[in-house]
PDB file of all heavy atoms in Angstrom:
ATOM      1  N   ARG A   1     -67.115  24.660 220.248  1.00  0.00           N
ATOM      2  CA  ARG A   1     -68.021  25.809 220.288  1.00  0.00           C
ATOM      3  C   ARG A   1     -69.451  25.337 220.040  1.00  0.00           C
ATOM      4  O   ARG A   1     -69.713  24.621 219.074  1.00  0.00           O
ATOM      5  CB  ARG A   1     -67.619  26.825 219.226  1.00  0.00           C
ATOM      6  CG  ARG A   1     -66.243  27.436 219.498  1.00  0.00           C
ATOM      7  CD  ARG A   1     -65.728  28.232 218.300  1.00  0.00           C
ATOM      8  NE  ARG A   1     -64.342  28.610 218.493  1.00  0.00           N
ATOM      9  CZ  ARG A   1     -63.298  27.835 218.161  1.00  0.00           C
ATOM     10  NH1 ARG A   1     -63.481  26.654 217.634  1.00  0.00           N
ATOM     11  NH2 ARG A   1     -62.065  28.263 218.377  1.00  0.00           N
ATOM     12  N   ASP A   2     -70.360  25.707 220.924  1.00  0.00           N
ATOM     13  CA  ASP A   2     -71.798  25.443 220.756  1.00  0.00           C
ATOM     14  C   ASP A   2     -72.153  23.969 220.619  1.00  0.00           C
ATOM     15  O   ASP A   2     -73.114  23.627 219.933  1.00  0.00           O
ATOM     16  CB  ASP A   2     -72.350  26.219 219.548  1.00  0.00           C
ATOM     17  CG  ASP A   2     -72.120  27.706 219.680  1.00  0.00           C
ATOM     18  OD1 ASP A   2     -72.312  28.233 220.794  1.00  0.00           O
ATOM     19  OD2 ASP A   2     -71.740  28.345 218.682  1.00  0.00           O
ATOM     20  N   ALA A   3     -71.391  23.093 221.241  1.00  0.00           N
ATOM     21  CA  ALA A   3     -71.707  21.661 221.204  1.00  0.00           C
ATOM     22  C   ALA A   3     -72.063  21.190 222.610  1.00  0.00           C
ATOM     23  O   ALA A   3     -71.656  21.793 223.602  1.00  0.00           O
ATOM     24  CB  ALA A   3     -70.523  20.871 220.656  1.00  0.00           C
ATOM     25  N   TRP A   4     -72.773  20.098 222.693  1.00  0.00           N
ATOM     26  CA  TRP A   4     -73.265  19.557 223.962  1.00  0.00           C
ATOM     27  C   TRP A   4     -72.335  18.464 224.478  1.00  0.00           C
ATOM     28  O   TRP A   4     -72.782  17.426 224.952  1.00  0.00           O
ATOM     29  CB  TRP A   4     -74.696  19.050 223.790  1.00  0.00           C
ATOM     30  CG  TRP A   4     -75.691  20.162 223.694  1.00  0.00           C
ATOM     31  CD1 TRP A   4     -75.871  21.018 222.636  1.00  0.00           C
ATOM     32  CD2 TRP A   4     -76.613  20.566 224.695  1.00  0.00           C
ATOM     33  NE1 TRP A   4     -76.857  21.916 222.932  1.00  0.00           N
ATOM     34  CE2 TRP A   4     -77.339  21.659 224.188  1.00  0.00           C
ATOM     35  CE3 TRP A   4     -76.908  20.103 225.978  1.00  0.00           C
ATOM     36  CZ2 TRP A   4     -78.327  22.301 224.906  1.00  0.00           C
ATOM     37  CZ3 TRP A   4     -77.903  20.744 226.695  1.00  0.00           C
ATOM     38  CH2 TRP A   4     -78.600  21.834 226.159  1.00  0.00           C
ATOM     39  N   TRP A   5     -71.029  18.709 224.406  1.00  0.00           N
ATOM     40  CA  TRP A   5     -70.047  17.743 224.897  1.00  0.00           C
ATOM     41  C   TRP A   5     -68.689  18.413 225.058  1.00  0.00           C
ATOM     42  O   TRP A   5     -68.433  19.483 224.529  1.00  0.00           O
ATOM     43  CB  TRP A   5     -69.931  16.537 223.963  1.00  0.00           C
ATOM     44  CG  TRP A   5     -69.616  16.875 222.528  1.00  0.00           C
ATOM     45  CD1 TRP A   5     -70.508  17.147 221.538  1.00  0.00           C
ATOM     46  CD2 TRP A   5     -68.319  16.981 221.912  1.00  0.00           C
ATOM     47  NE1 TRP A   5     -69.849  17.422 220.348  1.00  0.00           N
ATOM     48  CE2 TRP A   5     -68.507  17.323 220.563  1.00  0.00           C
ATOM     49  CE3 TRP A   5     -67.015  16.819 222.398  1.00  0.00           C
ATOM     50  CZ2 TRP A   5     -67.451  17.496 219.677  1.00  0.00           C
ATOM     51  CZ3 TRP A   5     -65.960  17.006 221.508  1.00  0.00           C
ATOM     52  CH2 TRP A   5     -66.184  17.327 220.172  1.00  0.00           C
ATOM     53  N   THR A   6     -67.830  17.744 225.833  1.00  0.00           N
ATOM     54  CA  THR A   6     -66.407  18.053 225.911  1.00  0.00           C
ATOM     55  C   THR A   6     -65.669  16.738 225.726  1.00  0.00           C
ATOM     56  O   THR A   6     -66.250  15.660 225.922  1.00  0.00           O
ATOM     57  CB  THR A   6     -66.005  18.678 227.263  1.00  0.00           C
ATOM     58  OG1 THR A   6     -66.243  17.734 228.303  1.00  0.00           O
ATOM     59  CG2 THR A   6     -66.782  19.957 227.538  1.00  0.00           C
ATOM     60  N   ALA A   7     -64.403  16.801 225.354  1.00  0.00           N
ATOM     61  CA  ALA A   7     -63.643  15.567 225.129  1.00  0.00           C
ATOM     62  C   ALA A   7     -62.305  15.642 225.857  1.00  0.00           C
ATOM     63  O   ALA A   7     -61.612  16.663 225.795  1.00  0.00           O
ATOM     64  CB  ALA A   7     -63.402  15.348 223.638  1.00  0.00           C
ATOM     65  N   LEU A   8     -61.981  14.567 226.528  1.00  0.00           N
ATOM     66  CA  LEU A   8     -60.702  14.407 227.212  1.00  0.00           C
ATOM     67  C   LEU A   8     -59.919  13.325 226.483  1.00  0.00           C
ATOM     68  O   LEU A   8     -60.425  12.221 226.277  1.00  0.00           O
ATOM     69  CB  LEU A   8     -60.936  13.995 228.672  1.00  0.00           C
ATOM     70  CG  LEU A   8     -59.703  13.622 229.483  1.00  0.00           C
ATOM     71  CD1 LEU A   8     -58.837  14.857 229.734  1.00  0.00           C
ATOM     72  CD2 LEU A   8     -60.122  12.992 230.808  1.00  0.00           C
ATOM     73  N   PHE A   9     -58.676  13.658 226.092  1.00  0.00           N
ATOM     74  CA  PHE A   9     -57.800  12.717 225.403  1.00  0.00           C
ATOM     75  C   PHE A   9     -56.625  12.452 226.335  1.00  0.00           C
ATOM     76  O   PHE A   9     -55.941  13.387 226.755  1.00  0.00           O
ATOM     77  CB  PHE A   9     -57.306  13.319 224.087  1.00  0.00           C
ATOM     78  CG  PHE A   9     -58.423  13.686 223.140  1.00  0.00           C
ATOM     79  CD1 PHE A   9     -59.010  14.939 223.199  1.00  0.00           C
ATOM     80  CD2 PHE A   9     -58.879  12.773 222.210  1.00  0.00           C
ATOM     81  CE1 PHE A   9     -60.040  15.293 222.330  1.00  0.00           C
ATOM     82  CE2 PHE A   9     -59.908  13.110 221.335  1.00  0.00           C
ATOM     83  CZ  PHE A   9     -60.488  14.365 221.401  1.00  0.00           C
ATOM     84  N   GLN A  10     -56.394  11.167 226.641  1.00  0.00           N
ATOM     85  CA  GLN A  10     -55.363  10.797 227.610  1.00  0.00           C
ATOM     86  C   GLN A  10     -54.256   9.982 226.944  1.00  0.00           C
ATOM     87  O   GLN A  10     -54.537   9.050 226.199  1.00  0.00           O
ATOM     88  CB  GLN A  10     -55.985   9.968 228.733  1.00  0.00           C
ATOM     89  CG  GLN A  10     -57.129  10.693 229.427  1.00  0.00           C
ATOM     90  CD  GLN A  10     -57.764   9.865 230.509  1.00  0.00           C
ATOM     91  OE1 GLN A  10     -57.637  10.199 231.671  1.00  0.00           O
ATOM     92  NE2 GLN A  10     -58.434   8.780 230.155  1.00  0.00           N
ATOM     93  N   ALA A  11     -53.023  10.337 227.242  1.00  0.00           N
ATOM     94  CA  ALA A  11     -51.884   9.552 226.757  1.00  0.00           C
ATOM     95  C   ALA A  11     -51.795   8.253 227.561  1.00  0.00           C
ATOM     96  O   ALA A  11     -52.411   8.113 228.621  1.00  0.00           O
ATOM     97  CB  ALA A  11     -50.602  10.373 226.906  1.00  0.00           C
ATOM     98  N   ALA A  12     -51.016   7.319 227.066  1.00  0.00           N
ATOM     99  CA  ALA A  12     -50.748   6.091 227.821  1.00  0.00           C
ATOM    100  C   ALA A  12     -50.034   6.489 229.108  1.00  0.00           C
ATOM    101  O   ALA A  12     -49.322   7.496 229.125  1.00  0.00           O
ATOM    102  CB  ALA A  12     -49.897   5.152 226.975  1.00  0.00           C
ATOM    103  N   PRO A  13     -50.263   5.830 230.201  1.00  0.00           N
ATOM    104  CA  PRO A  13     -50.825   4.491 230.341  1.00  0.00           C
ATOM    105  C   PRO A  13     -52.331   4.450 230.577  1.00  0.00           C
ATOM    106  O   PRO A  13     -52.868   3.395 230.899  1.00  0.00           O
ATOM    107  CB  PRO A  13     -50.096   3.958 231.569  1.00  0.00           C
ATOM    108  CG  PRO A  13     -49.938   5.163 232.444  1.00  0.00           C
ATOM    109  CD  PRO A  13     -49.686   6.296 231.482  1.00  0.00           C
ATOM    110  N   ALA A  14     -53.046   5.540 230.428  1.00  0.00           N
ATOM    111  CA  ALA A  14     -54.489   5.545 230.686  1.00  0.00           C
ATOM    112  C   ALA A  14     -55.182   4.488 229.830  1.00  0.00           C
ATOM    113  O   ALA A  14     -54.920   4.379 228.629  1.00  0.00           O
ATOM    114  CB  ALA A  14     -55.070   6.921 230.403  1.00  0.00           C
ATOM    115  N   GLY A  15     -56.061   3.733 230.432  1.00  0.00           N
ATOM    116  CA  GLY A  15     -56.811   2.700 229.717  1.00  0.00           C
ATOM    117  C   GLY A  15     -57.826   3.291 228.755  1.00  0.00           C
ATOM    118  O   GLY A  15     -58.103   2.716 227.699  1.00  0.00           O
ATOM    119  N   LEU A  16     -58.397   4.443 229.136  1.00  0.00           N
ATOM    120  CA  LEU A  16     -59.332   5.127 228.247  1.00  0.00           C
ATOM    121  C   LEU A  16     -58.560   6.170 227.451  1.00  0.00           C
ATOM    122  O   LEU A  16     -57.992   7.103 228.012  1.00  0.00           O
ATOM    123  CB  LEU A  16     -60.457   5.787 229.042  1.00  0.00           C
ATOM    124  CG  LEU A  16     -61.420   4.843 229.756  1.00  0.00           C
ATOM    125  CD1 LEU A  16     -62.462   5.627 230.534  1.00  0.00           C
ATOM    126  CD2 LEU A  16     -62.096   3.896 228.765  1.00  0.00           C
ATOM    127  N   GLU A  17     -58.534   5.996 226.156  1.00  0.00           N
ATOM    128  CA  GLU A  17     -57.849   6.942 225.273  1.00  0.00           C
ATOM    129  C   GLU A  17     -58.659   8.234 225.142  1.00  0.00           C
ATOM    130  O   GLU A  17     -58.102   9.330 225.171  1.00  0.00           O
ATOM    131  CB  GLU A  17     -57.665   6.298 223.896  1.00  0.00           C
ATOM    132  CG  GLU A  17     -57.041   7.188 222.872  1.00  0.00           C
ATOM    133  CD  GLU A  17     -56.980   6.517 221.510  1.00  0.00           C
ATOM    134  OE1 GLU A  17     -57.737   5.554 221.240  1.00  0.00           O
ATOM    135  OE2 GLU A  17     -56.163   6.977 220.699  1.00  0.00           O
ATOM    136  N   VAL A  18     -59.984   8.080 224.998  1.00  0.00           N
ATOM    137  CA  VAL A  18     -60.875   9.224 224.838  1.00  0.00           C
ATOM    138  C   VAL A  18     -62.039   9.062 225.815  1.00  0.00           C
ATOM    139  O   VAL A  18     -62.627   7.988 225.911  1.00  0.00           O
ATOM    140  CB  VAL A  18     -61.419   9.331 223.398  1.00  0.00           C
ATOM    141  CG1 VAL A  18     -62.279  10.587 223.238  1.00  0.00           C
ATOM    142  CG2 VAL A  18     -60.304   9.309 222.369  1.00  0.00           C
ATOM    143  N   TYR A  19     -62.349  10.161 226.512  1.00  0.00           N
ATOM    144  CA  TYR A  19     -63.446  10.182 227.474  1.00  0.00           C
ATOM    145  C   TYR A  19     -64.233  11.456 227.207  1.00  0.00           C
ATOM    146  O   TYR A  19     -63.746  12.557 227.462  1.00  0.00           O
ATOM    147  CB  TYR A  19     -62.901  10.190 228.902  1.00  0.00           C
ATOM    148  CG  TYR A  19     -63.934  10.024 229.972  1.00  0.00           C
ATOM    149  CD1 TYR A  19     -64.076   8.807 230.632  1.00  0.00           C
ATOM    150  CD2 TYR A  19     -64.775  11.072 230.342  1.00  0.00           C
ATOM    151  CE1 TYR A  19     -65.028   8.640 231.635  1.00  0.00           C
ATOM    152  CE2 TYR A  19     -65.717  10.913 231.332  1.00  0.00           C
ATOM    153  CZ  TYR A  19     -65.842   9.699 231.974  1.00  0.00           C
ATOM    154  OH  TYR A  19     -66.793   9.534 232.960  1.00  0.00           O
ATOM    155  N   CYS A  20     -65.430  11.307 226.653  1.00  0.00           N
ATOM    156  CA  CYS A  20     -66.266  12.467 226.336  1.00  0.00           C
ATOM    157  C   CYS A  20     -67.385  12.580 227.351  1.00  0.00           C
ATOM    158  O   CYS A  20     -68.079  11.604 227.634  1.00  0.00           O
ATOM    159  CB  CYS A  20     -66.867  12.332 224.940  1.00  0.00           C
ATOM    160  SG  CYS A  20     -65.641  12.302 223.625  1.00  0.00           S
ATOM    161  N   ASP A  21     -67.552  13.770 227.878  1.00  0.00           N
ATOM    162  CA  ASP A  21     -68.674  14.077 228.761  1.00  0.00           C
ATOM    163  C   ASP A  21     -69.745  14.771 227.945  1.00  0.00           C
ATOM    164  O   ASP A  21     -69.454  15.740 227.232  1.00  0.00           O
ATOM    165  CB  ASP A  21     -68.242  15.039 229.876  1.00  0.00           C
ATOM    166  CG  ASP A  21     -67.486  14.344 230.982  1.00  0.00           C
ATOM    167  OD1 ASP A  21     -68.043  13.419 231.579  1.00  0.00           O
ATOM    168  OD2 ASP A  21     -66.345  14.753 231.249  1.00  0.00           O
ATOM    169  N   VAL A  22     -70.980  14.306 228.075  1.00  0.00           N
ATOM    170  CA  VAL A  22     -72.099  15.028 227.491  1.00  0.00           C
ATOM    171  C   VAL A  22     -72.445  16.131 228.486  1.00  0.00           C
ATOM    172  O   VAL A  22     -72.654  15.860 229.669  1.00  0.00           O
ATOM    173  CB  VAL A  22     -73.298  14.091 227.233  1.00  0.00           C
ATOM    174  CG1 VAL A  22     -74.514  14.881 226.779  1.00  0.00           C
ATOM    175  CG2 VAL A  22     -72.913  13.025 226.198  1.00  0.00           C
ATOM    176  N   THR A  23     -72.427  17.367 228.017  1.00  0.00           N
ATOM    177  CA  THR A  23     -72.591  18.547 228.872  1.00  0.00           C
ATOM    178  C   THR A  23     -73.440  19.594 228.149  1.00  0.00           C
ATOM    179  O   THR A  23     -73.666  19.482 226.939  1.00  0.00           O
ATOM    180  CB  THR A  23     -71.231  19.206 229.193  1.00  0.00           C
ATOM    181  OG1 THR A  23     -70.693  19.770 227.992  1.00  0.00           O
ATOM    182  CG2 THR A  23     -70.243  18.224 229.795  1.00  0.00           C
ATOM    183  N   THR A  24     -73.828  20.609 228.881  1.00  0.00           N
ATOM    184  CA  THR A  24     -74.366  21.790 228.205  1.00  0.00           C
ATOM    185  C   THR A  24     -73.205  22.428 227.449  1.00  0.00           C
ATOM    186  O   THR A  24     -72.033  22.152 227.750  1.00  0.00           O
ATOM    187  CB  THR A  24     -74.945  22.784 229.223  1.00  0.00           C
ATOM    188  OG1 THR A  24     -73.914  23.161 230.149  1.00  0.00           O
ATOM    189  CG2 THR A  24     -76.147  22.204 229.961  1.00  0.00           C
ATOM    190  N   PRO A  25     -73.489  23.290 226.470  1.00  0.00           N
ATOM    191  CA  PRO A  25     -72.379  23.961 225.772  1.00  0.00           C
ATOM    192  C   PRO A  25     -71.490  24.719 226.759  1.00  0.00           C
ATOM    193  O   PRO A  25     -71.970  25.330 227.713  1.00  0.00           O
ATOM    194  CB  PRO A  25     -73.104  24.912 224.813  1.00  0.00           C
ATOM    195  CG  PRO A  25     -74.408  24.211 224.531  1.00  0.00           C
ATOM    196  CD  PRO A  25     -74.793  23.592 225.852  1.00  0.00           C
ATOM    197  N   SER A  26     -70.193  24.651 226.526  1.00  0.00           N
ATOM    198  CA  SER A  26     -69.216  25.313 227.396  1.00  0.00           C
ATOM    199  C   SER A  26     -69.397  26.825 227.347  1.00  0.00           C
ATOM    200  O   SER A  26     -69.677  27.390 226.291  1.00  0.00           O
ATOM    201  CB  SER A  26     -67.793  24.974 226.950  1.00  0.00           C
ATOM    202  OG  SER A  26     -67.590  23.583 227.015  1.00  0.00           O
ATOM    203  N   GLU A  27     -69.221  27.444 228.504  1.00  0.00           N
ATOM    204  CA  GLU A  27     -69.283  28.904 228.602  1.00  0.00           C
ATOM    205  C   GLU A  27     -67.961  29.397 229.167  1.00  0.00           C
ATOM    206  O   GLU A  27     -67.363  28.760 230.029  1.00  0.00           O
ATOM    207  CB  GLU A  27     -70.436  29.330 229.513  1.00  0.00           C
ATOM    208  CG  GLU A  27     -71.797  28.950 228.979  1.00  0.00           C
ATOM    209  CD  GLU A  27     -72.932  29.360 229.899  1.00  0.00           C
ATOM    210  OE1 GLU A  27     -72.675  30.053 230.910  1.00  0.00           O
ATOM    211  OE2 GLU A  27     -74.077  28.973 229.608  1.00  0.00           O
ATOM    212  N   TRP A  28     -67.541  30.559 228.674  1.00  0.00           N
ATOM    213  CA  TRP A  28     -66.292  31.187 229.098  1.00  0.00           C
ATOM    214  C   TRP A  28     -66.631  32.522 229.765  1.00  0.00           C
ATOM    215  O   TRP A  28     -66.657  33.556 229.094  1.00  0.00           O
ATOM    216  CB  TRP A  28     -65.376  31.389 227.897  1.00  0.00           C
ATOM    217  CG  TRP A  28     -64.910  30.103 227.292  1.00  0.00           C
ATOM    218  CD1 TRP A  28     -65.576  29.330 226.384  1.00  0.00           C
ATOM    219  CD2 TRP A  28     -63.697  29.432 227.563  1.00  0.00           C
ATOM    220  NE1 TRP A  28     -64.839  28.218 226.078  1.00  0.00           N
ATOM    221  CE2 TRP A  28     -63.666  28.254 226.792  1.00  0.00           C
ATOM    222  CE3 TRP A  28     -62.603  29.718 228.392  1.00  0.00           C
ATOM    223  CZ2 TRP A  28     -62.607  27.364 226.820  1.00  0.00           C
ATOM    224  CZ3 TRP A  28     -61.538  28.829 228.412  1.00  0.00           C
ATOM    225  CH2 TRP A  28     -61.544  27.666 227.637  1.00  0.00           C
ATOM    226  N   PRO A  29     -66.894  32.520 231.089  1.00  0.00           N
ATOM    227  CA  PRO A  29     -67.215  33.781 231.758  1.00  0.00           C
ATOM    228  C   PRO A  29     -66.055  34.773 231.714  1.00  0.00           C
ATOM    229  O   PRO A  29     -66.266  35.973 231.811  1.00  0.00           O
ATOM    230  CB  PRO A  29     -67.553  33.382 233.188  1.00  0.00           C
ATOM    231  CG  PRO A  29     -67.069  31.996 233.363  1.00  0.00           C
ATOM    232  CD  PRO A  29     -66.947  31.384 232.002  1.00  0.00           C
ATOM    233  N   ASN A  30     -64.838  34.255 231.555  1.00  0.00           N
ATOM    234  CA  ASN A  30     -63.643  35.076 231.369  1.00  0.00           C
ATOM    235  C   ASN A  30     -62.569  34.170 230.766  1.00  0.00           C
ATOM    236  O   ASN A  30     -62.749  32.947 230.730  1.00  0.00           O
ATOM    237  CB  ASN A  30     -63.198  35.734 232.690  1.00  0.00           C
ATOM    238  CG  ASN A  30     -62.822  34.722 233.742  1.00  0.00           C
ATOM    239  OD1 ASN A  30     -61.822  34.011 233.597  1.00  0.00           O
ATOM    240  ND2 ASN A  30     -63.626  34.633 234.800  1.00  0.00           N
ATOM    241  N   PRO A  31     -61.466  34.718 230.268  1.00  0.00           N
ATOM    242  CA  PRO A  31     -60.447  33.892 229.611  1.00  0.00           C
ATOM    243  C   PRO A  31     -59.798  32.839 230.515  1.00  0.00           C
ATOM    244  O   PRO A  31     -59.197  31.895 230.015  1.00  0.00           O
ATOM    245  CB  PRO A  31     -59.405  34.905 229.135  1.00  0.00           C
ATOM    246  CG  PRO A  31     -60.129  36.198 229.058  1.00  0.00           C
ATOM    247  CD  PRO A  31     -61.157  36.150 230.151  1.00  0.00           C
ATOM    248  N   ALA A  32     -59.921  32.999 231.825  1.00  0.00           N
ATOM    249  CA  ALA A  32     -59.277  32.073 232.755  1.00  0.00           C
ATOM    250  C   ALA A  32     -60.244  31.048 233.354  1.00  0.00           C
ATOM    251  O   ALA A  32     -59.892  30.356 234.297  1.00  0.00           O
ATOM    252  CB  ALA A  32     -58.608  32.859 233.887  1.00  0.00           C
ATOM    253  N   GLN A  33     -61.457  30.930 232.796  1.00  0.00           N
ATOM    254  CA  GLN A  33     -62.407  29.955 233.328  1.00  0.00           C
ATOM    255  C   GLN A  33     -63.355  29.469 232.238  1.00  0.00           C
ATOM    256  O   GLN A  33     -63.867  30.251 231.440  1.00  0.00           O
ATOM    257  CB  GLN A  33     -63.232  30.548 234.468  1.00  0.00           C
ATOM    258  CG  GLN A  33     -64.179  29.531 235.090  1.00  0.00           C
ATOM    259  CD  GLN A  33     -65.007  30.111 236.218  1.00  0.00           C
ATOM    260  OE1 GLN A  33     -65.134  31.330 236.345  1.00  0.00           O
ATOM    261  NE2 GLN A  33     -65.568  29.251 237.046  1.00  0.00           N
ATOM    262  N   VAL A  34     -63.563  28.163 232.219  1.00  0.00           N
ATOM    263  CA  VAL A  34     -64.571  27.556 231.360  1.00  0.00           C
ATOM    264  C   VAL A  34     -65.479  26.722 232.262  1.00  0.00           C
ATOM    265  O   VAL A  34     -65.014  26.072 233.195  1.00  0.00           O
ATOM    266  CB  VAL A  34     -63.942  26.706 230.225  1.00  0.00           C
ATOM    267  CG1 VAL A  34     -63.108  25.546 230.757  1.00  0.00           C
ATOM    268  CG2 VAL A  34     -65.016  26.208 229.259  1.00  0.00           C
ATOM    269  N   THR A  35     -66.771  26.783 231.988  1.00  0.00           N
ATOM    270  CA  THR A  35     -67.721  26.072 232.826  1.00  0.00           C
ATOM    271  C   THR A  35     -68.812  25.443 231.968  1.00  0.00           C
ATOM    272  O   THR A  35     -69.098  25.908 230.860  1.00  0.00           O
ATOM    273  CB  THR A  35     -68.322  27.016 233.898  1.00  0.00           C
ATOM    274  OG1 THR A  35     -69.147  26.269 234.780  1.00  0.00           O
ATOM    275  CG2 THR A  35     -69.106  28.146 233.265  1.00  0.00           C
ATOM    276  N   MET A  36     -69.392  24.378 232.494  1.00  0.00           N
ATOM    277  CA  MET A  36     -70.473  23.682 231.812  1.00  0.00           C
ATOM    278  C   MET A  36     -71.202  22.823 232.837  1.00  0.00           C
ATOM    279  O   MET A  36     -70.720  22.644 233.952  1.00  0.00           O
ATOM    280  CB  MET A  36     -69.957  22.830 230.645  1.00  0.00           C
ATOM    281  CG  MET A  36     -69.185  21.585 230.999  1.00  0.00           C
ATOM    282  SD  MET A  36     -67.494  21.817 231.619  1.00  0.00           S
ATOM    283  CE  MET A  36     -66.770  22.906 230.462  1.00  0.00           C
ATOM    284  N   VAL A  37     -72.363  22.281 232.447  1.00  0.00           N
ATOM    285  CA  VAL A  37     -73.130  21.385 233.318  1.00  0.00           C
ATOM    286  C   VAL A  37     -72.992  19.969 232.781  1.00  0.00           C
ATOM    287  O   VAL A  37     -73.273  19.702 231.603  1.00  0.00           O
ATOM    288  CB  VAL A  37     -74.612  21.812 233.377  1.00  0.00           C
ATOM    289  CG1 VAL A  37     -75.432  20.793 234.153  1.00  0.00           C
ATOM    290  CG2 VAL A  37     -74.745  23.198 233.982  1.00  0.00           C
ATOM    291  N   ASP A  38     -72.556  19.066 233.644  1.00  0.00           N
ATOM    292  CA  ASP A  38     -72.419  17.652 233.298  1.00  0.00           C
ATOM    293  C   ASP A  38     -73.803  17.016 233.252  1.00  0.00           C
ATOM    294  O   ASP A  38     -74.560  17.098 234.220  1.00  0.00           O
ATOM    295  CB  ASP A  38     -71.545  16.963 234.357  1.00  0.00           C
ATOM    296  CG  ASP A  38     -71.415  15.481 234.112  1.00  0.00           C
ATOM    297  OD1 ASP A  38     -71.228  15.084 232.955  1.00  0.00           O
ATOM    298  OD2 ASP A  38     -71.515  14.702 235.086  1.00  0.00           O
ATOM    299  N   LEU A  39     -74.128  16.384 232.138  1.00  0.00           N
ATOM    300  CA  LEU A  39     -75.429  15.739 231.974  1.00  0.00           C
ATOM    301  C   LEU A  39     -75.335  14.223 232.082  1.00  0.00           C
ATOM    302  O   LEU A  39     -76.187  13.506 231.552  1.00  0.00           O
ATOM    303  CB  LEU A  39     -76.055  16.169 230.642  1.00  0.00           C
ATOM    304  CG  LEU A  39     -76.359  17.662 230.555  1.00  0.00           C
ATOM    305  CD1 LEU A  39     -76.782  18.056 229.151  1.00  0.00           C
ATOM    306  CD2 LEU A  39     -77.405  18.057 231.586  1.00  0.00           C
ATOM    307  N   ASP A  40     -74.318  13.755 232.783  1.00  0.00           N
ATOM    308  CA  ASP A  40     -74.188  12.359 233.207  1.00  0.00           C
ATOM    309  C   ASP A  40     -73.668  11.397 232.151  1.00  0.00           C
ATOM    310  O   ASP A  40     -72.837  10.559 232.460  1.00  0.00           O
ATOM    311  CB  ASP A  40     -75.511  11.804 233.773  1.00  0.00           C
ATOM    312  CG  ASP A  40     -76.181  12.742 234.736  1.00  0.00           C
ATOM    313  OD1 ASP A  40     -75.499  13.212 235.674  1.00  0.00           O
ATOM    314  OD2 ASP A  40     -77.373  13.048 234.561  1.00  0.00           O
ATOM    315  N   LEU A  41     -74.160  11.480 230.922  1.00  0.00           N
ATOM    316  CA  LEU A  41     -73.748  10.522 229.900  1.00  0.00           C
ATOM    317  C   LEU A  41     -72.281  10.730 229.532  1.00  0.00           C
ATOM    318  O   LEU A  41     -71.819  11.860 229.402  1.00  0.00           O
ATOM    319  CB  LEU A  41     -74.607  10.678 228.646  1.00  0.00           C
ATOM    320  CG  LEU A  41     -76.078  10.322 228.785  1.00  0.00           C
ATOM    321  CD1 LEU A  41     -76.836  10.738 227.538  1.00  0.00           C
ATOM    322  CD2 LEU A  41     -76.241   8.827 229.045  1.00  0.00           C
ATOM    323  N   ASP A  42     -71.562   9.628 229.376  1.00  0.00           N
ATOM    324  CA  ASP A  42     -70.162   9.649 228.966  1.00  0.00           C
ATOM    325  C   ASP A  42     -70.001   8.685 227.798  1.00  0.00           C
ATOM    326  O   ASP A  42     -70.622   7.617 227.783  1.00  0.00           O
ATOM    327  CB  ASP A  42     -69.245   9.202 230.109  1.00  0.00           C
ATOM    328  CG  ASP A  42     -69.467  10.014 231.373  1.00  0.00           C
ATOM    329  OD1 ASP A  42     -69.411  11.242 231.296  1.00  0.00           O
ATOM    330  OD2 ASP A  42     -69.713   9.402 232.427  1.00  0.00           O
ATOM    331  N   VAL A  43     -69.176   9.058 226.846  1.00  0.00           N
ATOM    332  CA  VAL A  43     -68.877   8.188 225.712  1.00  0.00           C
ATOM    333  C   VAL A  43     -67.366   8.025 225.684  1.00  0.00           C
ATOM    334  O   VAL A  43     -66.618   9.005 225.651  1.00  0.00           O
ATOM    335  CB  VAL A  43     -69.403   8.775 224.388  1.00  0.00           C
ATOM    336  CG1 VAL A  43     -69.157   7.795 223.244  1.00  0.00           C
ATOM    337  CG2 VAL A  43     -70.893   9.108 224.501  1.00  0.00           C
TER     338      VAL A  43
END
């Protein structure tokens, strides 16, 4: 909530365990959709 990132956590065999996108804060226009703007940086 109100943060400038999202985080993706992947089980094995994915080489990246955690992949965070720096984004605008997530918005929920309705319960079935979440949207944000990708600001390119990934951690």
